[in-house]
Amino acid sequence: MMNSELRNVRLYDVPAPRGASIAAALFAGAYQLVSRLWTAQPQRPLTATEEAEEVRALARSVATTDPGFASDLFAAADRHEAQ
């Protein structure tokens, strides 16, 4: 046989420590400021020529270790620039 009991429990609001809301607001503001400073936003979109040059730079950096992949990157850059 099981017994059960129902009780009404009254929950009270626990007051926050003094200055906690001010400290939380200051922390949130500082966090937003730092996140805006560290987030890089491009000034303008790159042109197809600039994007192709970045791919070619990557191809040159891997040309000695993986010449086949570098050739594929050069070809992809040429195709992208021609479009």
C-alpha atoms as a PDB file:
ATOM      1  CA  MET A   1       0.000   0.000   0.000  1.00  0.00           C
ATOM      2  CA  MET A   2       1.285   3.478  -0.913  1.00  0.00           C
ATOM      3  CA  ASN A   3       0.790   6.653   1.002  1.00  0.00           C
ATOM      4  CA  SER A   4       0.840  10.066  -0.557  1.00  0.00           C
ATOM      5  CA  GLU A   5       0.490  13.514   0.845  1.00  0.00           C
ATOM      6  CA  LEU A   6      -0.128  16.820  -0.915  1.00  0.00           C
ATOM      7  CA  ARG A   7       1.121  20.012   0.627  1.00  0.00           C
ATOM      8  CA  ASN A   8       0.770  23.595  -0.391  1.00  0.00           C
ATOM      9  CA  VAL A   9       4.204  25.157  -0.386  1.00  0.00           C
ATOM     10  CA  ARG A  10       4.526  28.889  -0.516  1.00  0.00           C
ATOM     11  CA  LEU A  11       7.598  30.118  -2.384  1.00  0.00           C
ATOM     12  CA  TYR A  12       9.012  33.448  -1.353  1.00  0.00           C
ATOM     13  CA  ASP A  13      11.056  35.755  -3.529  1.00  0.00           C
ATOM     14  CA  VAL A  14      14.607  35.824  -2.317  1.00  0.00           C
ATOM     15  CA  PRO A  15      15.922  39.373  -2.515  1.00  0.00           C
ATOM     16  CA  ALA A  16      19.070  39.858  -4.580  1.00  0.00           C
ATOM     17  CA  PRO A  17      22.175  41.076  -2.760  1.00  0.00           C
ATOM     18  CA  ARG A  18      22.698  44.814  -2.815  1.00  0.00           C
ATOM     19  CA  GLY A  19      24.374  45.986  -5.985  1.00  0.00           C
ATOM     20  CA  ALA A  20      23.891  42.677  -7.789  1.00  0.00           C
ATOM     21  CA  SER A  21      21.667  44.186 -10.470  1.00  0.00           C
ATOM     22  CA  ILE A  22      24.117  47.056 -10.981  1.00  0.00           C
ATOM     23  CA  ALA A  23      27.063  44.668 -11.208  1.00  0.00           C
ATOM     24  CA  ALA A  24      25.152  42.466 -13.653  1.00  0.00           C
ATOM     25  CA  ALA A  25      24.299  45.455 -15.847  1.00  0.00           C
ATOM     26  CA  LEU A  26      27.946  46.634 -15.825  1.00  0.00           C
ATOM     27  CA  PHE A  27      29.196  43.170 -16.687  1.00  0.00           C
ATOM     28  CA  ALA A  28      26.693  42.816 -19.544  1.00  0.00           C
ATOM     29  CA  GLY A  29      27.685  46.208 -20.931  1.00  0.00           C
ATOM     30  CA  ALA A  30      31.393  45.407 -20.722  1.00  0.00           C
ATOM     31  CA  TYR A  31      30.808  42.041 -22.392  1.00  0.00           C
ATOM     32  CA  GLN A  32      28.911  43.662 -25.277  1.00  0.00           C
ATOM     33  CA  LEU A  33      31.643  46.278 -25.731  1.00  0.00           C
ATOM     34  CA  VAL A  34      34.431  43.691 -25.806  1.00  0.00           C
ATOM     35  CA  SER A  35      32.501  41.425 -28.165  1.00  0.00           C
ATOM     36  CA  ARG A  36      31.977  44.331 -30.583  1.00  0.00           C
ATOM     37  CA  LEU A  37      35.673  45.198 -30.462  1.00  0.00           C
ATOM     38  CA  TRP A  38      36.800  41.618 -31.118  1.00  0.00           C
ATOM     39  CA  THR A  39      34.311  40.869 -33.868  1.00  0.00           C
ATOM     40  CA  ALA A  40      35.881  41.634 -37.218  1.00  0.00           C
ATOM     41  CA  GLN A  41      33.495  43.059 -39.744  1.00  0.00           C
ATOM     42  CA  PRO A  42      34.587  43.424 -43.351  1.00  0.00           C
ATOM     43  CA  GLN A  43      34.652  46.948 -44.665  1.00  0.00           C
ATOM     44  CA  ARG A  44      33.336  45.920 -48.061  1.00  0.00           C
ATOM     45  CA  PRO A  45      32.754  42.681 -49.928  1.00  0.00           C
ATOM     46  CA  LEU A  46      35.752  41.360 -51.837  1.00  0.00           C
ATOM     47  CA  THR A  47      35.712  41.459 -55.609  1.00  0.00           C
ATOM     48  CA  ALA A  48      36.093  38.279 -57.648  1.00  0.00           C
ATOM     49  CA  THR A  49      39.694  39.262 -58.455  1.00  0.00           C
ATOM     50  CA  GLU A  50      40.539  39.748 -54.754  1.00  0.00           C
ATOM     51  CA  GLU A  51      38.925  36.428 -53.828  1.00  0.00           C
ATOM     52  CA  ALA A  52      40.872  34.680 -56.592  1.00  0.00           C
ATOM     53  CA  GLU A  53      44.110  36.239 -55.323  1.00  0.00           C
ATOM     54  CA  GLU A  54      43.434  34.902 -51.834  1.00  0.00           C
ATOM     55  CA  VAL A  55      42.909  31.414 -53.258  1.00  0.00           C
ATOM     56  CA  ARG A  56      46.111  31.727 -55.282  1.00  0.00           C
ATOM     57  CA  ALA A  57      48.005  32.746 -52.134  1.00  0.00           C
ATOM     58  CA  LEU A  58      46.683  29.616 -50.429  1.00  0.00           C
ATOM     59  CA  ALA A  59      47.724  27.550 -53.456  1.00  0.00           C
ATOM     60  CA  ARG A  60      51.247  28.991 -53.326  1.00  0.00           C
ATOM     61  CA  SER A  61      51.487  28.158 -49.612  1.00  0.00           C
ATOM     62  CA  VAL A  62      50.672  24.463 -50.182  1.00  0.00           C
ATOM     63  CA  ALA A  63      52.421  24.047 -53.536  1.00  0.00           C
ATOM     64  CA  THR A  64      55.532  22.400 -52.065  1.00  0.00           C
ATOM     65  CA  THR A  65      53.659  19.911 -49.888  1.00  0.00           C
ATOM     66  CA  ASP A  66      50.688  19.112 -52.154  1.00  0.00           C
ATOM     67  CA  PRO A  67      51.246  20.188 -55.769  1.00  0.00           C
ATOM     68  CA  GLY A  68      48.073  18.473 -57.033  1.00  0.00           C
ATOM     69  CA  PHE A  69      45.873  20.362 -54.600  1.00  0.00           C
ATOM     70  CA  ALA A  70      47.695  23.601 -55.442  1.00  0.00           C
ATOM     71  CA  SER A  71      46.982  23.033 -59.142  1.00  0.00           C
ATOM     72  CA  ASP A  72      43.308  22.490 -58.358  1.00  0.00           C
ATOM     73  CA  LEU A  73      43.244  25.722 -56.360  1.00  0.00           C
ATOM     74  CA  PHE A  74      44.904  27.684 -59.163  1.00  0.00           C
ATOM     75  CA  ALA A  75      42.359  26.306 -61.645  1.00  0.00           C
ATOM     76  CA  ALA A  76      39.463  27.138 -59.324  1.00  0.00           C
ATOM     77  CA  ALA A  77      40.767  30.684 -58.871  1.00  0.00           C
ATOM     78  CA  ASP A  78      41.025  31.131 -62.637  1.00  0.00           C
ATOM     79  CA  ARG A  79      37.469  29.856 -63.156  1.00  0.00           C
ATOM     80  CA  HIS A  80      36.107  32.069 -60.384  1.00  0.00           C
ATOM     81  CA  GLU A  81      37.839  35.152 -61.733  1.00  0.00           C
ATOM     82  CA  ALA A  82      36.560  34.463 -65.278  1.00  0.00           C
ATOM     83  CA  GLN A  83      32.916  34.402 -64.173  1.00  0.00           C
END
